[in-house]
ModelCIF file with pLDDT and N, C-alpha, C, O atoms, coordinates in Angstrom:
data_MODEL
#
_entry.id   MODEL 
#
_entity.id                         1 
_entity.type                       polymer 
_entity.pdbx_number_of_molecules   1 
#
_entity_poly.entity_id                      1 
_entity_poly.type                           'polypeptide(L)' 
_entity_poly.nstd_linkage                   no 
_entity_poly.nstd_monomer                   no 
_entity_poly.pdbx_seq_one_letter_code       
;(UNK)(UNK)(UNK)(UNK)(UNK)(UNK)(UNK)(UNK)(UNK)(UNK)(UNK)(UNK)(UNK)(UNK)(UNK)(UNK)
(UNK)(UNK)(UNK)(UNK)(UNK)(UNK)(UNK)(UNK)(UNK)(UNK)(UNK)(UNK)(UNK)(UNK)(UNK)(UNK)
(UNK)(UNK)(UNK)(UNK)(UNK)(UNK)(UNK)(UNK)(UNK)(UNK)(UNK)(UNK)(UNK)(UNK)
;
_entity_poly.pdbx_seq_one_letter_code_can   XXXXXXXXXXXXXXXXXXXXXXXXXXXXXXXXXXXXXXXXXXXXXX 
_entity_poly.pdbx_strand_id                 A 
#
loop_
_entity_poly_seq.entity_id 
_entity_poly_seq.num 
_entity_poly_seq.mon_id 
_entity_poly_seq.hetero 
1 1  UNK n 
1 2  UNK n 
1 3  UNK n 
1 4  UNK n 
1 5  UNK n 
1 6  UNK n 
1 7  UNK n 
1 8  UNK n 
1 9  UNK n 
1 10 UNK n 
1 11 UNK n 
1 12 UNK n 
1 13 UNK n 
1 14 UNK n 
1 15 UNK n 
1 16 UNK n 
1 17 UNK n 
1 18 UNK n 
1 19 UNK n 
1 20 UNK n 
1 21 UNK n 
1 22 UNK n 
1 23 UNK n 
1 24 UNK n 
1 25 UNK n 
1 26 UNK n 
1 27 UNK n 
1 28 UNK n 
1 29 UNK n 
1 30 UNK n 
1 31 UNK n 
1 32 UNK n 
1 33 UNK n 
1 34 UNK n 
1 35 UNK n 
1 36 UNK n 
1 37 UNK n 
1 38 UNK n 
1 39 UNK n 
1 40 UNK n 
1 41 UNK n 
1 42 UNK n 
1 43 UNK n 
1 44 UNK n 
1 45 UNK n 
1 46 UNK n 
#
_struct_asym.id          A 
_struct_asym.entity_id   1 
#
loop_
_ma_qa_metric.id 
_ma_qa_metric.mode 
_ma_qa_metric.name 
_ma_qa_metric.software_group_id 
_ma_qa_metric.type 
1 global pLDDT . pLDDT 
2 local  pLDDT . pLDDT 
#
_ma_qa_metric_global.metric_id      1 
_ma_qa_metric_global.metric_value   97.41 
_ma_qa_metric_global.model_id       1 
_ma_qa_metric_global.ordinal_id     1 
#
loop_
_ma_qa_metric_local.label_asym_id 
_ma_qa_metric_local.label_comp_id 
_ma_qa_metric_local.label_seq_id 
_ma_qa_metric_local.metric_id 
_ma_qa_metric_local.metric_value 
_ma_qa_metric_local.model_id 
_ma_qa_metric_local.ordinal_id 
A UNK 1  2 98.00 1 1  
A UNK 2  2 98.00 1 2  
A UNK 3  2 98.00 1 3  
A UNK 4  2 98.00 1 4  
A UNK 5  2 98.00 1 5  
A UNK 6  2 98.00 1 6  
A UNK 7  2 98.00 1 7  
A UNK 8  2 98.00 1 8  
A UNK 9  2 98.00 1 9  
A UNK 10 2 98.00 1 10 
A UNK 11 2 98.00 1 11 
A UNK 12 2 96.00 1 12 
A UNK 13 2 97.00 1 13 
A UNK 14 2 95.00 1 14 
A UNK 15 2 93.00 1 15 
A UNK 16 2 94.00 1 16 
A UNK 17 2 97.00 1 17 
A UNK 18 2 98.00 1 18 
A UNK 19 2 98.00 1 19 
A UNK 20 2 97.00 1 20 
A UNK 21 2 97.00 1 21 
A UNK 22 2 97.00 1 22 
A UNK 23 2 97.00 1 23 
A UNK 24 2 98.00 1 24 
A UNK 25 2 98.00 1 25 
A UNK 26 2 98.00 1 26 
A UNK 27 2 98.00 1 27 
A UNK 28 2 98.00 1 28 
A UNK 29 2 98.00 1 29 
A UNK 30 2 97.00 1 30 
A UNK 31 2 97.00 1 31 
A UNK 32 2 97.00 1 32 
A UNK 33 2 97.00 1 33 
A UNK 34 2 98.00 1 34 
A UNK 35 2 98.00 1 35 
A UNK 36 2 98.00 1 36 
A UNK 37 2 98.00 1 37 
A UNK 38 2 98.00 1 38 
A UNK 39 2 98.00 1 39 
A UNK 40 2 97.00 1 40 
A UNK 41 2 97.00 1 41 
A UNK 42 2 98.00 1 42 
A UNK 43 2 98.00 1 43 
A UNK 44 2 98.00 1 44 
A UNK 45 2 98.00 1 45 
A UNK 46 2 97.00 1 46 
#
loop_
_atom_site.group_PDB 
_atom_site.id 
_atom_site.type_symbol 
_atom_site.label_atom_id 
_atom_site.label_alt_id 
_atom_site.label_comp_id 
_atom_site.label_asym_id 
_atom_site.label_entity_id 
_atom_site.label_seq_id 
_atom_site.pdbx_PDB_ins_code 
_atom_site.Cartn_x 
_atom_site.Cartn_y 
_atom_site.Cartn_z 
_atom_site.occupancy 
_atom_site.B_iso_or_equiv 
_atom_site.pdbx_formal_charge 
_atom_site.auth_seq_id 
_atom_site.auth_comp_id 
_atom_site.auth_asym_id 
_atom_site.auth_atom_id 
_atom_site.pdbx_PDB_model_num 
ATOM 1   N N  . UNK A 1 1  ? 57.552 46.705 13.589  1.00 98.00 ? 1  UNK A N  1 
ATOM 2   C CA . UNK A 1 1  ? 57.873 46.636 12.162  1.00 98.00 ? 1  UNK A CA 1 
ATOM 3   C C  . UNK A 1 1  ? 58.035 48.029 11.572  1.00 98.00 ? 1  UNK A C  1 
ATOM 4   O O  . UNK A 1 1  ? 58.915 48.254 10.741  1.00 98.00 ? 1  UNK A O  1 
ATOM 5   N N  . UNK A 1 2  ? 57.189 48.969 11.998  1.00 98.00 ? 2  UNK A N  1 
ATOM 6   C CA . UNK A 1 2  ? 57.307 50.344 11.501  1.00 98.00 ? 2  UNK A CA 1 
ATOM 7   C C  . UNK A 1 2  ? 58.615 50.967 11.967  1.00 98.00 ? 2  UNK A C  1 
ATOM 8   O O  . UNK A 1 2  ? 59.305 51.625 11.187  1.00 98.00 ? 2  UNK A O  1 
ATOM 9   N N  . UNK A 1 3  ? 58.961 50.761 13.246  1.00 98.00 ? 3  UNK A N  1 
ATOM 10  C CA . UNK A 1 3  ? 60.223 51.295 13.758  1.00 98.00 ? 3  UNK A CA 1 
ATOM 11  C C  . UNK A 1 3  ? 61.409 50.695 13.013  1.00 98.00 ? 3  UNK A C  1 
ATOM 12  O O  . UNK A 1 3  ? 62.359 51.405 12.681  1.00 98.00 ? 3  UNK A O  1 
ATOM 13  N N  . UNK A 1 4  ? 61.360 49.395 12.749  1.00 98.00 ? 4  UNK A N  1 
ATOM 14  C CA . UNK A 1 4  ? 62.436 48.720 12.028  1.00 98.00 ? 4  UNK A CA 1 
ATOM 15  C C  . UNK A 1 4  ? 62.520 49.209 10.591  1.00 98.00 ? 4  UNK A C  1 
ATOM 16  O O  . UNK A 1 4  ? 63.602 49.528 10.098  1.00 98.00 ? 4  UNK A O  1 
ATOM 17  N N  . UNK A 1 5  ? 61.369 49.266 9.918   1.00 98.00 ? 5  UNK A N  1 
ATOM 18  C CA . UNK A 1 5  ? 61.333 49.658 8.509   1.00 98.00 ? 5  UNK A CA 1 
ATOM 19  C C  . UNK A 1 5  ? 61.761 51.104 8.317   1.00 98.00 ? 5  UNK A C  1 
ATOM 20  O O  . UNK A 1 5  ? 62.478 51.416 7.366   1.00 98.00 ? 5  UNK A O  1 
ATOM 21  N N  . UNK A 1 6  ? 61.332 51.990 9.207   1.00 98.00 ? 6  UNK A N  1 
ATOM 22  C CA . UNK A 1 6  ? 61.714 53.401 9.064   1.00 98.00 ? 6  UNK A CA 1 
ATOM 23  C C  . UNK A 1 6  ? 63.202 53.590 9.315   1.00 98.00 ? 6  UNK A C  1 
ATOM 24  O O  . UNK A 1 6  ? 63.838 54.428 8.676   1.00 98.00 ? 6  UNK A O  1 
ATOM 25  N N  . UNK A 1 7  ? 63.762 52.819 10.241  1.00 98.00 ? 7  UNK A N  1 
ATOM 26  C CA . UNK A 1 7  ? 65.206 52.890 10.472  1.00 98.00 ? 7  UNK A CA 1 
ATOM 27  C C  . UNK A 1 7  ? 65.973 52.358 9.266   1.00 98.00 ? 7  UNK A C  1 
ATOM 28  O O  . UNK A 1 7  ? 66.993 52.924 8.876   1.00 98.00 ? 7  UNK A O  1 
ATOM 29  N N  . UNK A 1 8  ? 65.483 51.273 8.680   1.00 98.00 ? 8  UNK A N  1 
ATOM 30  C CA . UNK A 1 8  ? 66.109 50.750 7.462   1.00 98.00 ? 8  UNK A CA 1 
ATOM 31  C C  . UNK A 1 8  ? 66.094 51.784 6.346   1.00 98.00 ? 8  UNK A C  1 
ATOM 32  O O  . UNK A 1 8  ? 67.037 51.851 5.558   1.00 98.00 ? 8  UNK A O  1 
ATOM 33  N N  . UNK A 1 9  ? 65.043 52.588 6.266   1.00 98.00 ? 9  UNK A N  1 
ATOM 34  C CA . UNK A 1 9  ? 64.942 53.613 5.226   1.00 98.00 ? 9  UNK A CA 1 
ATOM 35  C C  . UNK A 1 9  ? 66.005 54.694 5.386   1.00 98.00 ? 9  UNK A C  1 
ATOM 36  O O  . UNK A 1 9  ? 66.241 55.480 4.468   1.00 98.00 ? 9  UNK A O  1 
ATOM 37  N N  . UNK A 1 10 ? 66.640 54.733 6.544   1.00 98.00 ? 10 UNK A N  1 
ATOM 38  C CA . UNK A 1 10 ? 67.739 55.666 6.788   1.00 98.00 ? 10 UNK A CA 1 
ATOM 39  C C  . UNK A 1 10 ? 69.087 54.973 6.626   1.00 98.00 ? 10 UNK A C  1 
ATOM 40  O O  . UNK A 1 10 ? 69.938 55.441 5.869   1.00 98.00 ? 10 UNK A O  1 
ATOM 41  N N  . UNK A 1 11 ? 69.288 53.863 7.330   1.00 98.00 ? 11 UNK A N  1 
ATOM 42  C CA . UNK A 1 11 ? 70.618 53.246 7.409   1.00 98.00 ? 11 UNK A CA 1 
ATOM 43  C C  . UNK A 1 11 ? 70.887 52.237 6.295   1.00 98.00 ? 11 UNK A C  1 
ATOM 44  O O  . UNK A 1 11 ? 72.013 51.757 6.159   1.00 98.00 ? 11 UNK A O  1 
ATOM 45  N N  . UNK A 1 12 ? 69.873 51.910 5.500   1.00 96.00 ? 12 UNK A N  1 
ATOM 46  C CA . UNK A 1 12 ? 70.015 50.911 4.437   1.00 96.00 ? 12 UNK A CA 1 
ATOM 47  C C  . UNK A 1 12 ? 69.454 51.457 3.123   1.00 96.00 ? 12 UNK A C  1 
ATOM 48  O O  . UNK A 1 12 ? 68.658 50.781 2.472   1.00 96.00 ? 12 UNK A O  1 
ATOM 49  N N  . UNK A 1 13 ? 69.854 52.672 2.719   1.00 97.00 ? 13 UNK A N  1 
ATOM 50  C CA . UNK A 1 13 ? 69.220 53.341 1.569   1.00 97.00 ? 13 UNK A CA 1 
ATOM 51  C C  . UNK A 1 13 ? 69.521 52.676 0.239   1.00 97.00 ? 13 UNK A C  1 
ATOM 52  O O  . UNK A 1 13 ? 68.851 52.959 -0.754  1.00 97.00 ? 13 UNK A O  1 
ATOM 53  N N  . UNK A 1 14 ? 70.518 51.793 0.199   1.00 95.00 ? 14 UNK A N  1 
ATOM 54  C CA . UNK A 1 14 ? 70.797 51.066 -1.037  1.00 95.00 ? 14 UNK A CA 1 
ATOM 55  C C  . UNK A 1 14 ? 69.673 50.099 -1.377  1.00 95.00 ? 14 UNK A C  1 
ATOM 56  O O  . UNK A 1 14 ? 69.563 49.662 -2.523  1.00 95.00 ? 14 UNK A O  1 
ATOM 57  N N  . UNK A 1 15 ? 68.831 49.755 -0.397  1.00 93.00 ? 15 UNK A N  1 
ATOM 58  C CA . UNK A 1 15 ? 67.779 48.769 -0.605  1.00 93.00 ? 15 UNK A CA 1 
ATOM 59  C C  . UNK A 1 15 ? 66.366 49.303 -0.345  1.00 93.00 ? 15 UNK A C  1 
ATOM 60  O O  . UNK A 1 15 ? 65.407 48.801 -0.932  1.00 93.00 ? 15 UNK A O  1 
ATOM 61  N N  . UNK A 1 16 ? 66.221 50.302 0.516   1.00 94.00 ? 16 UNK A N  1 
ATOM 62  C CA . UNK A 1 16 ? 64.869 50.826 0.764   1.00 94.00 ? 16 UNK A CA 1 
ATOM 63  C C  . UNK A 1 16 ? 64.950 52.236 1.325   1.00 94.00 ? 16 UNK A C  1 
ATOM 64  O O  . UNK A 1 16 ? 65.869 52.564 2.077   1.00 94.00 ? 16 UNK A O  1 
ATOM 65  N N  . UNK A 1 17 ? 63.981 53.070 0.955   1.00 97.00 ? 17 UNK A N  1 
ATOM 66  C CA . UNK A 1 17 ? 63.907 54.449 1.439   1.00 97.00 ? 17 UNK A CA 1 
ATOM 67  C C  . UNK A 1 17 ? 62.435 54.848 1.555   1.00 97.00 ? 17 UNK A C  1 
ATOM 68  O O  . UNK A 1 17 ? 61.540 54.056 1.258   1.00 97.00 ? 17 UNK A O  1 
ATOM 69  N N  . UNK A 1 18 ? 62.203 56.075 1.988   1.00 98.00 ? 18 UNK A N  1 
ATOM 70  C CA . UNK A 1 18 ? 60.837 56.607 2.013   1.00 98.00 ? 18 UNK A CA 1 
ATOM 71  C C  . UNK A 1 18 ? 60.253 56.710 0.607   1.00 98.00 ? 18 UNK A C  1 
ATOM 72  O O  . UNK A 1 18 ? 59.040 56.848 0.448   1.00 98.00 ? 18 UNK A O  1 
ATOM 73  N N  . UNK A 1 19 ? 61.096 56.646 -0.399  1.00 98.00 ? 19 UNK A N  1 
ATOM 74  C CA . UNK A 1 19 ? 60.636 56.780 -1.780  1.00 98.00 ? 19 UNK A CA 1 
ATOM 75  C C  . UNK A 1 19 ? 60.294 55.469 -2.447  1.00 98.00 ? 19 UNK A C  1 
ATOM 76  O O  . UNK A 1 19 ? 60.169 55.424 -3.670  1.00 98.00 ? 19 UNK A O  1 
ATOM 77  N N  . UNK A 1 20 ? 60.133 54.377 -1.670  1.00 97.00 ? 20 UNK A N  1 
ATOM 78  C CA . UNK A 1 20 ? 59.845 53.071 -2.250  1.00 97.00 ? 20 UNK A CA 1 
ATOM 79  C C  . UNK A 1 20 ? 58.450 52.568 -1.944  1.00 97.00 ? 20 UNK A C  1 
ATOM 80  O O  . UNK A 1 20 ? 57.546 53.347 -1.641  1.00 97.00 ? 20 UNK A O  1 
ATOM 81  N N  . UNK A 1 21 ? 58.284 51.248 -2.027  1.00 97.00 ? 21 UNK A N  1 
ATOM 82  C CA . UNK A 1 21 ? 57.005 50.572 -1.789  1.00 97.00 ? 21 UNK A CA 1 
ATOM 83  C C  . UNK A 1 21 ? 57.173 49.534 -0.690  1.00 97.00 ? 21 UNK A C  1 
ATOM 84  O O  . UNK A 1 21 ? 58.291 49.122 -0.379  1.00 97.00 ? 21 UNK A O  1 
ATOM 85  N N  . UNK A 1 22 ? 56.045 49.111 -0.099  1.00 97.00 ? 22 UNK A N  1 
ATOM 86  C CA . UNK A 1 22 ? 56.100 47.958 0.800   1.00 97.00 ? 22 UNK A CA 1 
ATOM 87  C C  . UNK A 1 22 ? 54.821 47.132 0.757   1.00 97.00 ? 22 UNK A C  1 
ATOM 88  O O  . UNK A 1 22 ? 53.763 47.592 0.326   1.00 97.00 ? 22 UNK A O  1 
ATOM 89  N N  . UNK A 1 23 ? 54.965 45.873 1.229   1.00 97.00 ? 23 UNK A N  1 
ATOM 90  C CA . UNK A 1 23 ? 53.872 44.907 1.299   1.00 97.00 ? 23 UNK A CA 1 
ATOM 91  C C  . UNK A 1 23 ? 53.922 44.226 2.659   1.00 97.00 ? 23 UNK A C  1 
ATOM 92  O O  . UNK A 1 23 ? 54.996 43.900 3.166   1.00 97.00 ? 23 UNK A O  1 
ATOM 93  N N  . UNK A 1 24 ? 52.751 44.018 3.238   1.00 98.00 ? 24 UNK A N  1 
ATOM 94  C CA . UNK A 1 24 ? 52.657 43.488 4.601   1.00 98.00 ? 24 UNK A CA 1 
ATOM 95  C C  . UNK A 1 24 ? 51.775 42.240 4.650   1.00 98.00 ? 24 UNK A C  1 
ATOM 96  O O  . UNK A 1 24 ? 50.732 42.184 3.999   1.00 98.00 ? 24 UNK A O  1 
ATOM 97  N N  . UNK A 1 25 ? 52.201 41.238 5.429   1.00 98.00 ? 25 UNK A N  1 
ATOM 98  C CA . UNK A 1 25 ? 51.324 40.201 5.959   1.00 98.00 ? 25 UNK A CA 1 
ATOM 99  C C  . UNK A 1 25 ? 51.268 40.409 7.469   1.00 98.00 ? 25 UNK A C  1 
ATOM 100 O O  . UNK A 1 25 ? 52.308 40.455 8.126   1.00 98.00 ? 25 UNK A O  1 
ATOM 101 N N  . UNK A 1 26 ? 50.072 40.534 8.022   1.00 98.00 ? 26 UNK A N  1 
ATOM 102 C CA . UNK A 1 26 ? 49.905 40.825 9.445   1.00 98.00 ? 26 UNK A CA 1 
ATOM 103 C C  . UNK A 1 26 ? 48.964 39.787 10.058  1.00 98.00 ? 26 UNK A C  1 
ATOM 104 O O  . UNK A 1 26 ? 47.824 39.637 9.619   1.00 98.00 ? 26 UNK A O  1 
ATOM 105 N N  . UNK A 1 27 ? 49.449 39.079 11.069  1.00 98.00 ? 27 UNK A N  1 
ATOM 106 C CA . UNK A 1 27 ? 48.606 38.138 11.801  1.00 98.00 ? 27 UNK A CA 1 
ATOM 107 C C  . UNK A 1 27 ? 48.203 38.768 13.131  1.00 98.00 ? 27 UNK A C  1 
ATOM 108 O O  . UNK A 1 27 ? 49.050 39.214 13.906  1.00 98.00 ? 27 UNK A O  1 
ATOM 109 N N  . UNK A 1 28 ? 46.892 38.796 13.379  1.00 98.00 ? 28 UNK A N  1 
ATOM 110 C CA . UNK A 1 28 ? 46.331 39.360 14.604  1.00 98.00 ? 28 UNK A CA 1 
ATOM 111 C C  . UNK A 1 28 ? 45.985 38.217 15.555  1.00 98.00 ? 28 UNK A C  1 
ATOM 112 O O  . UNK A 1 28 ? 45.063 37.443 15.297  1.00 98.00 ? 28 UNK A O  1 
ATOM 113 N N  . UNK A 1 29 ? 46.732 38.114 16.660  1.00 98.00 ? 29 UNK A N  1 
ATOM 114 C CA . UNK A 1 29 ? 46.530 36.995 17.590  1.00 98.00 ? 29 UNK A CA 1 
ATOM 115 C C  . UNK A 1 29 ? 45.188 37.070 18.307  1.00 98.00 ? 29 UNK A C  1 
ATOM 116 O O  . UNK A 1 29 ? 44.656 36.038 18.716  1.00 98.00 ? 29 UNK A O  1 
ATOM 117 N N  . UNK A 1 30 ? 44.628 38.268 18.468  1.00 97.00 ? 30 UNK A N  1 
ATOM 118 C CA . UNK A 1 30 ? 43.337 38.418 19.148  1.00 97.00 ? 30 UNK A CA 1 
ATOM 119 C C  . UNK A 1 30 ? 42.205 37.843 18.321  1.00 97.00 ? 30 UNK A C  1 
ATOM 120 O O  . UNK A 1 30 ? 41.313 37.174 18.842  1.00 97.00 ? 30 UNK A O  1 
ATOM 121 N N  . UNK A 1 31 ? 42.252 38.111 17.026  1.00 97.00 ? 31 UNK A N  1 
ATOM 122 C CA . UNK A 1 31 ? 41.145 37.724 16.151  1.00 97.00 ? 31 UNK A CA 1 
ATOM 123 C C  . UNK A 1 31 ? 41.435 36.471 15.335  1.00 97.00 ? 31 UNK A C  1 
ATOM 124 O O  . UNK A 1 31 ? 40.520 35.883 14.758  1.00 97.00 ? 31 UNK A O  1 
ATOM 125 N N  . UNK A 1 32 ? 42.708 36.054 15.280  1.00 97.00 ? 32 UNK A N  1 
ATOM 126 C CA . UNK A 1 32 ? 43.090 34.931 14.427  1.00 97.00 ? 32 UNK A CA 1 
ATOM 127 C C  . UNK A 1 32 ? 43.060 35.289 12.952  1.00 97.00 ? 32 UNK A C  1 
ATOM 128 O O  . UNK A 1 32 ? 43.051 34.405 12.094  1.00 97.00 ? 32 UNK A O  1 
ATOM 129 N N  . UNK A 1 33 ? 43.045 36.573 12.655  1.00 97.00 ? 33 UNK A N  1 
ATOM 130 C CA . UNK A 1 33 ? 42.913 37.069 11.287  1.00 97.00 ? 33 UNK A CA 1 
ATOM 131 C C  . UNK A 1 33 ? 44.287 37.308 10.670  1.00 97.00 ? 33 UNK A C  1 
ATOM 132 O O  . UNK A 1 33 ? 45.188 37.818 11.337  1.00 97.00 ? 33 UNK A O  1 
ATOM 133 N N  . UNK A 1 34 ? 44.450 36.945 9.406   1.00 98.00 ? 34 UNK A N  1 
ATOM 134 C CA . UNK A 1 34 ? 45.656 37.246 8.642   1.00 98.00 ? 34 UNK A CA 1 
ATOM 135 C C  . UNK A 1 34 ? 45.297 38.227 7.543   1.00 98.00 ? 34 UNK A C  1 
ATOM 136 O O  . UNK A 1 34 ? 44.454 37.938 6.694   1.00 98.00 ? 34 UNK A O  1 
ATOM 137 N N  . UNK A 1 35 ? 45.937 39.387 7.560   1.00 98.00 ? 35 UNK A N  1 
ATOM 138 C CA . UNK A 1 35 ? 45.613 40.445 6.606   1.00 98.00 ? 35 UNK A CA 1 
ATOM 139 C C  . UNK A 1 35 ? 46.815 40.752 5.728   1.00 98.00 ? 35 UNK A C  1 
ATOM 140 O O  . UNK A 1 35 ? 47.963 40.544 6.121   1.00 98.00 ? 35 UNK A O  1 
ATOM 141 N N  . UNK A 1 36 ? 46.533 41.245 4.547   1.00 98.00 ? 36 UNK A N  1 
ATOM 142 C CA . UNK A 1 36 ? 47.583 41.646 3.618   1.00 98.00 ? 36 UNK A CA 1 
ATOM 143 C C  . UNK A 1 36 ? 47.365 43.099 3.218   1.00 98.00 ? 36 UNK A C  1 
ATOM 144 O O  . UNK A 1 36 ? 46.240 43.506 2.926   1.00 98.00 ? 36 UNK A O  1 
ATOM 145 N N  . UNK A 1 37 ? 48.444 43.881 3.206   1.00 98.00 ? 37 UNK A N  1 
ATOM 146 C CA . UNK A 1 37 ? 48.373 45.308 2.898   1.00 98.00 ? 37 UNK A CA 1 
ATOM 147 C C  . UNK A 1 37 ? 49.302 45.624 1.740   1.00 98.00 ? 37 UNK A C  1 
ATOM 148 O O  . UNK A 1 37 ? 50.513 45.420 1.819   1.00 98.00 ? 37 UNK A O  1 
ATOM 149 N N  . UNK A 1 38 ? 48.711 46.125 0.662   1.00 98.00 ? 38 UNK A N  1 
ATOM 150 C CA . UNK A 1 38 ? 49.461 46.478 -0.547  1.00 98.00 ? 38 UNK A CA 1 
ATOM 151 C C  . UNK A 1 38 ? 49.731 47.974 -0.537  1.00 98.00 ? 38 UNK A C  1 
ATOM 152 O O  . UNK A 1 38 ? 48.829 48.777 -0.775  1.00 98.00 ? 38 UNK A O  1 
ATOM 153 N N  . UNK A 1 39 ? 50.973 48.346 -0.260  1.00 98.00 ? 39 UNK A N  1 
ATOM 154 C CA . UNK A 1 39 ? 51.353 49.756 -0.255  1.00 98.00 ? 39 UNK A CA 1 
ATOM 155 C C  . UNK A 1 39 ? 52.339 50.039 -1.378  1.00 98.00 ? 39 UNK A C  1 
ATOM 156 O O  . UNK A 1 39 ? 53.368 50.685 -1.180  1.00 98.00 ? 39 UNK A O  1 
ATOM 157 N N  . UNK A 1 40 ? 52.001 49.541 -2.555  1.00 97.00 ? 40 UNK A N  1 
ATOM 158 C CA . UNK A 1 40 ? 52.811 49.861 -3.738  1.00 97.00 ? 40 UNK A CA 1 
ATOM 159 C C  . UNK A 1 40 ? 52.153 50.995 -4.499  1.00 97.00 ? 40 UNK A C  1 
ATOM 160 O O  . UNK A 1 40 ? 50.928 51.121 -4.526  1.00 97.00 ? 40 UNK A O  1 
ATOM 161 N N  . UNK A 1 41 ? 52.989 51.817 -5.117  1.00 97.00 ? 41 UNK A N  1 
ATOM 162 C CA . UNK A 1 41 ? 52.480 52.993 -5.815  1.00 97.00 ? 41 UNK A CA 1 
ATOM 163 C C  . UNK A 1 41 ? 52.092 52.707 -7.245  1.00 97.00 ? 41 UNK A C  1 
ATOM 164 O O  . UNK A 1 41 ? 52.617 51.798 -7.888  1.00 97.00 ? 41 UNK A O  1 
ATOM 165 N N  . UNK A 1 42 ? 51.165 53.503 -7.724  1.00 98.00 ? 42 UNK A N  1 
ATOM 166 C CA . UNK A 1 42 ? 50.716 53.400 -9.119  1.00 98.00 ? 42 UNK A CA 1 
ATOM 167 C C  . UNK A 1 42 ? 51.482 54.389 -9.994  1.00 98.00 ? 42 UNK A C  1 
ATOM 168 O O  . UNK A 1 42 ? 52.044 55.368 -9.502  1.00 98.00 ? 42 UNK A O  1 
ATOM 169 N N  . UNK A 1 43 ? 51.494 54.120 -11.286 1.00 98.00 ? 43 UNK A N  1 
ATOM 170 C CA . UNK A 1 43 ? 52.127 55.046 -12.223 1.00 98.00 ? 43 UNK A CA 1 
ATOM 171 C C  . UNK A 1 43 ? 51.351 56.356 -12.260 1.00 98.00 ? 43 UNK A C  1 
ATOM 172 O O  . UNK A 1 43 ? 50.169 56.410 -11.921 1.00 98.00 ? 43 UNK A O  1 
ATOM 173 N N  . UNK A 1 44 ? 52.033 57.392 -12.672 1.00 98.00 ? 44 UNK A N  1 
ATOM 174 C CA . UNK A 1 44 ? 51.412 58.707 -12.717 1.00 98.00 ? 44 UNK A CA 1 
ATOM 175 C C  . UNK A 1 44 ? 50.362 58.830 -13.808 1.00 98.00 ? 44 UNK A C  1 
ATOM 176 O O  . UNK A 1 44 ? 50.338 58.046 -14.758 1.00 98.00 ? 44 UNK A O  1 
ATOM 177 N N  . UNK A 1 45 ? 49.498 59.820 -13.660 1.00 98.00 ? 45 UNK A N  1 
ATOM 178 C CA . UNK A 1 45 ? 48.427 60.032 -14.632 1.00 98.00 ? 45 UNK A CA 1 
ATOM 179 C C  . UNK A 1 45 ? 48.967 60.413 -16.010 1.00 98.00 ? 45 UNK A C  1 
ATOM 180 O O  . UNK A 1 45 ? 48.270 60.262 -17.013 1.00 98.00 ? 45 UNK A O  1 
ATOM 181 N N  . UNK A 1 46 ? 50.202 60.904 -16.063 1.00 97.00 ? 46 UNK A N  1 
ATOM 182 C CA . UNK A 1 46 ? 50.811 61.303 -17.339 1.00 97.00 ? 46 UNK A CA 1 
ATOM 183 C C  . UNK A 1 46 ? 51.770 60.255 -17.881 1.00 97.00 ? 46 UNK A C  1 
ATOM 184 O O  . UNK A 1 46 ? 52.358 60.447 -18.945 1.00 97.00 ? 46 UNK A O  1 
#
């Protein structure tokens, strides 16, 4: 997913770049755990 997403940030800049946000759902087959990762940015202090 990281390899795919980073490539998209280059070849698909109309929709995503290093300057954006992302959200993940990750299922771990070893543990049976489903995790969610919020990688959205917050507004600046000013």
